[in-house]
Amino acid sequence: MYYGKMLSVCMRYIKDRDSAQEVLQDAFIKVFEKLELFDFRGSIEGWLRRIVSNTAIDAIRKAKIKGEVVNNNFRVKEILLDKQH
């Protein structure tokens, strides 16, 4: 339902579609883990948008720290795989 919209949000930060999809998957996991914190006073779409944006920004920061930013692109997949180990 929200996948397309949230992918568009993610791709504002991360231009590579495959990398954006990886970050979006990570964001949806965060949403699932924090679902009980949603207070239903605001819109669910706004809440999702904020989590997706923050997750994308975090991925960019991690890529910069690891020196993986090249011409505003980076290898997010490698960062996410590193995080799982």
N, C-alpha and C. Protein backbone atom coordinates (compact mmCIF):
# COMPACT_ATOMS: atom_id res chain seq x y z
N MET A 1 0.82 -1.19 0.00
CA MET A 1 0.00 0.00 0.00
C MET A 1 0.86 1.26 0.00
N TYR A 2 1.88 1.31 0.86
CA TYR A 2 2.73 2.48 0.95
C TYR A 2 4.09 2.28 0.28
N TYR A 3 4.33 1.11 -0.25
CA TYR A 3 5.67 0.79 -0.77
C TYR A 3 6.13 1.79 -1.82
N GLY A 4 5.32 2.06 -2.81
CA GLY A 4 5.69 2.97 -3.90
C GLY A 4 6.01 4.37 -3.42
N LYS A 5 5.15 4.89 -2.54
CA LYS A 5 5.38 6.23 -2.00
C LYS A 5 6.65 6.28 -1.17
N MET A 6 6.87 5.27 -0.36
CA MET A 6 8.05 5.27 0.51
C MET A 6 9.32 5.03 -0.29
N LEU A 7 9.23 4.27 -1.39
CA LEU A 7 10.39 4.11 -2.25
C LEU A 7 10.76 5.45 -2.89
N SER A 8 9.77 6.22 -3.27
CA SER A 8 10.03 7.56 -3.82
C SER A 8 10.72 8.45 -2.79
N VAL A 9 10.27 8.38 -1.55
CA VAL A 9 10.89 9.16 -0.47
C VAL A 9 12.35 8.73 -0.33
N CYS A 10 12.58 7.46 -0.28
CA CYS A 10 13.93 6.92 -0.11
C CYS A 10 14.84 7.32 -1.27
N MET A 11 14.30 7.32 -2.48
CA MET A 11 15.11 7.64 -3.65
C MET A 11 15.43 9.12 -3.77
N ARG A 12 14.80 9.96 -2.97
CA ARG A 12 15.21 11.37 -2.91
C ARG A 12 16.58 11.48 -2.29
N TYR A 13 16.91 10.55 -1.43
CA TYR A 13 18.19 10.55 -0.74
C TYR A 13 19.19 9.63 -1.43
N ILE A 14 18.73 8.49 -1.89
CA ILE A 14 19.59 7.45 -2.45
C ILE A 14 19.15 7.21 -3.89
N LYS A 15 19.98 7.60 -4.83
CA LYS A 15 19.58 7.59 -6.24
C LYS A 15 19.59 6.20 -6.87
N ASP A 16 20.41 5.31 -6.38
CA ASP A 16 20.47 3.96 -6.91
C ASP A 16 19.26 3.16 -6.42
N ARG A 17 18.46 2.67 -7.36
CA ARG A 17 17.20 1.99 -7.01
C ARG A 17 17.42 0.76 -6.13
N ASP A 18 18.40 -0.07 -6.48
CA ASP A 18 18.66 -1.28 -5.69
C ASP A 18 19.05 -0.92 -4.25
N SER A 19 19.90 0.07 -4.12
CA SER A 19 20.32 0.50 -2.78
C SER A 19 19.15 1.10 -2.01
N ALA A 20 18.33 1.88 -2.71
CA ALA A 20 17.15 2.48 -2.07
C ALA A 20 16.20 1.39 -1.59
N GLN A 21 16.03 0.34 -2.36
CA GLN A 21 15.16 -0.76 -1.96
C GLN A 21 15.71 -1.47 -0.72
N GLU A 22 17.02 -1.61 -0.64
CA GLU A 22 17.63 -2.22 0.54
C GLU A 22 17.39 -1.36 1.78
N VAL A 23 17.57 -0.06 1.63
CA VAL A 23 17.35 0.85 2.76
C VAL A 23 15.88 0.85 3.15
N LEU A 24 14.99 0.83 2.16
CA LEU A 24 13.55 0.80 2.45
C LEU A 24 13.17 -0.47 3.20
N GLN A 25 13.75 -1.59 2.83
CA GLN A 25 13.48 -2.83 3.55
C GLN A 25 13.90 -2.68 5.02
N ASP A 26 15.06 -2.09 5.24
CA ASP A 26 15.53 -1.85 6.60
C ASP A 26 14.56 -0.93 7.35
N ALA A 27 14.06 0.08 6.66
CA ALA A 27 13.10 1.01 7.28
C ALA A 27 11.81 0.30 7.67
N PHE A 28 11.30 -0.56 6.80
CA PHE A 28 10.08 -1.30 7.12
C PHE A 28 10.27 -2.25 8.30
N ILE A 29 11.45 -2.80 8.44
CA ILE A 29 11.74 -3.62 9.62
C ILE A 29 11.67 -2.76 10.88
N LYS A 30 12.23 -1.54 10.80
CA LYS A 30 12.15 -0.63 11.94
C LYS A 30 10.71 -0.28 12.27
N VAL A 31 9.90 -0.05 11.24
CA VAL A 31 8.48 0.25 11.44
C VAL A 31 7.81 -0.90 12.18
N PHE A 32 8.04 -2.11 11.72
CA PHE A 32 7.44 -3.29 12.35
C PHE A 32 7.86 -3.40 13.81
N GLU A 33 9.15 -3.16 14.08
CA GLU A 33 9.66 -3.27 15.45
C GLU A 33 9.11 -2.19 16.37
N LYS A 34 8.74 -1.03 15.81
CA LYS A 34 8.30 0.11 16.61
C LYS A 34 6.80 0.41 16.46
N LEU A 35 6.06 -0.50 15.87
CA LEU A 35 4.65 -0.25 15.58
C LEU A 35 3.85 0.11 16.83
N GLU A 36 4.19 -0.48 17.96
CA GLU A 36 3.44 -0.18 19.19
C GLU A 36 3.66 1.26 19.67
N LEU A 37 4.66 1.94 19.14
CA LEU A 37 4.93 3.33 19.54
C LEU A 37 4.10 4.34 18.76
N PHE A 38 3.47 3.91 17.67
CA PHE A 38 2.64 4.83 16.89
C PHE A 38 1.41 5.19 17.71
N ASP A 39 1.15 6.49 17.88
CA ASP A 39 0.09 6.94 18.79
C ASP A 39 -1.25 7.26 18.12
N PHE A 40 -1.35 7.14 16.81
CA PHE A 40 -2.60 7.33 16.06
C PHE A 40 -3.13 8.75 16.12
N ARG A 41 -2.34 9.70 16.63
CA ARG A 41 -2.76 11.11 16.58
C ARG A 41 -2.41 11.73 15.23
N GLY A 42 -1.32 11.29 14.65
CA GLY A 42 -0.91 11.77 13.33
C GLY A 42 -1.23 10.73 12.28
N SER A 43 -0.80 11.00 11.08
CA SER A 43 -1.06 10.04 10.00
C SER A 43 0.02 8.97 9.98
N ILE A 44 -0.38 7.77 9.65
CA ILE A 44 0.59 6.67 9.55
C ILE A 44 1.57 6.95 8.42
N GLU A 45 1.09 7.57 7.35
CA GLU A 45 1.97 7.87 6.23
C GLU A 45 3.08 8.86 6.62
N GLY A 46 2.73 9.86 7.40
CA GLY A 46 3.73 10.81 7.88
C GLY A 46 4.77 10.14 8.77
N TRP A 47 4.30 9.24 9.62
CA TRP A 47 5.19 8.50 10.52
C TRP A 47 6.14 7.61 9.71
N LEU A 48 5.58 6.91 8.72
CA LEU A 48 6.40 6.07 7.84
C LEU A 48 7.43 6.91 7.09
N ARG A 49 6.99 8.04 6.58
CA ARG A 49 7.87 8.93 5.82
C ARG A 49 9.07 9.37 6.67
N ARG A 50 8.82 9.68 7.92
CA ARG A 50 9.89 10.12 8.82
C ARG A 50 10.87 8.98 9.07
N ILE A 51 10.38 7.78 9.30
CA ILE A 51 11.27 6.63 9.53
C ILE A 51 12.09 6.33 8.29
N VAL A 52 11.46 6.36 7.12
CA VAL A 52 12.17 6.09 5.87
C VAL A 52 13.24 7.15 5.63
N SER A 53 12.89 8.40 5.82
CA SER A 53 13.87 9.50 5.64
C SER A 53 15.05 9.34 6.58
N ASN A 54 14.77 9.10 7.85
CA ASN A 54 15.85 8.95 8.83
C ASN A 54 16.73 7.74 8.53
N THR A 55 16.12 6.65 8.08
CA THR A 55 16.89 5.46 7.75
C THR A 55 17.80 5.73 6.55
N ALA A 56 17.30 6.44 5.56
CA ALA A 56 18.12 6.79 4.39
C ALA A 56 19.27 7.70 4.79
N ILE A 57 18.99 8.69 5.61
CA ILE A 57 20.05 9.60 6.07
C ILE A 57 21.10 8.84 6.86
N ASP A 58 20.67 7.94 7.71
CA ASP A 58 21.62 7.12 8.48
C ASP A 58 22.50 6.27 7.55
N ALA A 59 21.91 5.71 6.50
CA ALA A 59 22.67 4.89 5.55
C ALA A 59 23.72 5.74 4.83
N ILE A 60 23.36 6.97 4.49
CA ILE A 60 24.31 7.88 3.84
C ILE A 60 25.45 8.21 4.79
N ARG A 61 25.13 8.50 6.04
CA ARG A 61 26.17 8.80 7.03
C ARG A 61 27.13 7.62 7.19
N LYS A 62 26.58 6.43 7.29
CA LYS A 62 27.42 5.24 7.44
C LYS A 62 28.31 5.04 6.21
N ALA A 63 27.76 5.31 5.03
CA ALA A 63 28.55 5.17 3.81
C ALA A 63 29.69 6.18 3.79
N LYS A 64 29.42 7.39 4.23
CA LYS A 64 30.47 8.42 4.27
C LYS A 64 31.56 8.06 5.26
N ILE A 65 31.19 7.55 6.41
CA ILE A 65 32.16 7.15 7.42
C ILE A 65 33.06 6.05 6.88
N LYS A 66 32.48 5.12 6.13
CA LYS A 66 33.26 4.01 5.58
C LYS A 66 33.98 4.41 4.30
N GLY A 67 33.82 5.65 3.85
CA GLY A 67 34.49 6.09 2.64
C GLY A 67 33.92 5.48 1.39
N GLU A 68 32.65 5.17 1.39
CA GLU A 68 32.03 4.50 0.25
C GLU A 68 31.17 5.42 -0.59
N VAL A 69 31.31 6.72 -0.39
CA VAL A 69 30.54 7.67 -1.19
C VAL A 69 31.38 8.05 -2.40
N VAL A 70 30.81 7.84 -3.58
CA VAL A 70 31.49 8.20 -4.82
C VAL A 70 30.49 8.93 -5.70
N ASN A 71 30.73 10.21 -5.94
CA ASN A 71 29.84 11.03 -6.76
C ASN A 71 28.38 10.95 -6.27
N ASN A 72 28.18 11.09 -4.98
CA ASN A 72 26.86 11.05 -4.36
C ASN A 72 26.15 9.70 -4.49
N ASN A 73 26.89 8.67 -4.83
CA ASN A 73 26.36 7.31 -4.82
C ASN A 73 27.20 6.50 -3.86
N PHE A 74 26.67 5.42 -3.38
CA PHE A 74 27.41 4.59 -2.44
C PHE A 74 26.87 3.18 -2.48
N ARG A 75 27.60 2.31 -1.85
CA ARG A 75 27.25 0.90 -1.85
C ARG A 75 26.53 0.55 -0.54
N VAL A 76 25.25 0.77 -0.49
CA VAL A 76 24.46 0.54 0.71
C VAL A 76 24.40 -0.94 1.05
N LYS A 77 24.32 -1.79 0.06
CA LYS A 77 24.19 -3.23 0.31
C LYS A 77 25.31 -3.72 1.20
N GLU A 78 26.52 -3.26 0.93
CA GLU A 78 27.67 -3.69 1.74
C GLU A 78 27.53 -3.20 3.17
N ILE A 79 27.02 -2.00 3.35
CA ILE A 79 26.84 -1.45 4.70
C ILE A 79 25.80 -2.26 5.45
N LEU A 80 24.69 -2.56 4.79
CA LEU A 80 23.63 -3.32 5.46
C LEU A 80 24.08 -4.73 5.78
N LEU A 81 24.87 -5.34 4.90
CA LEU A 81 25.38 -6.67 5.18
C LEU A 81 26.33 -6.64 6.36
N ASP A 82 27.17 -5.61 6.45
CA ASP A 82 28.08 -5.47 7.58
C ASP A 82 27.32 -5.35 8.89
N LYS A 83 26.19 -4.66 8.86
CA LYS A 83 25.41 -4.43 10.07
C LYS A 83 24.81 -5.73 10.60
N GLN A 84 24.54 -6.68 9.72
CA GLN A 84 23.92 -7.93 10.14
C GLN A 84 24.90 -8.87 10.81
N HIS A 85 26.19 -8.63 10.67
CA HIS A 85 27.19 -9.55 11.24
C HIS A 85 27.70 -9.06 12.55
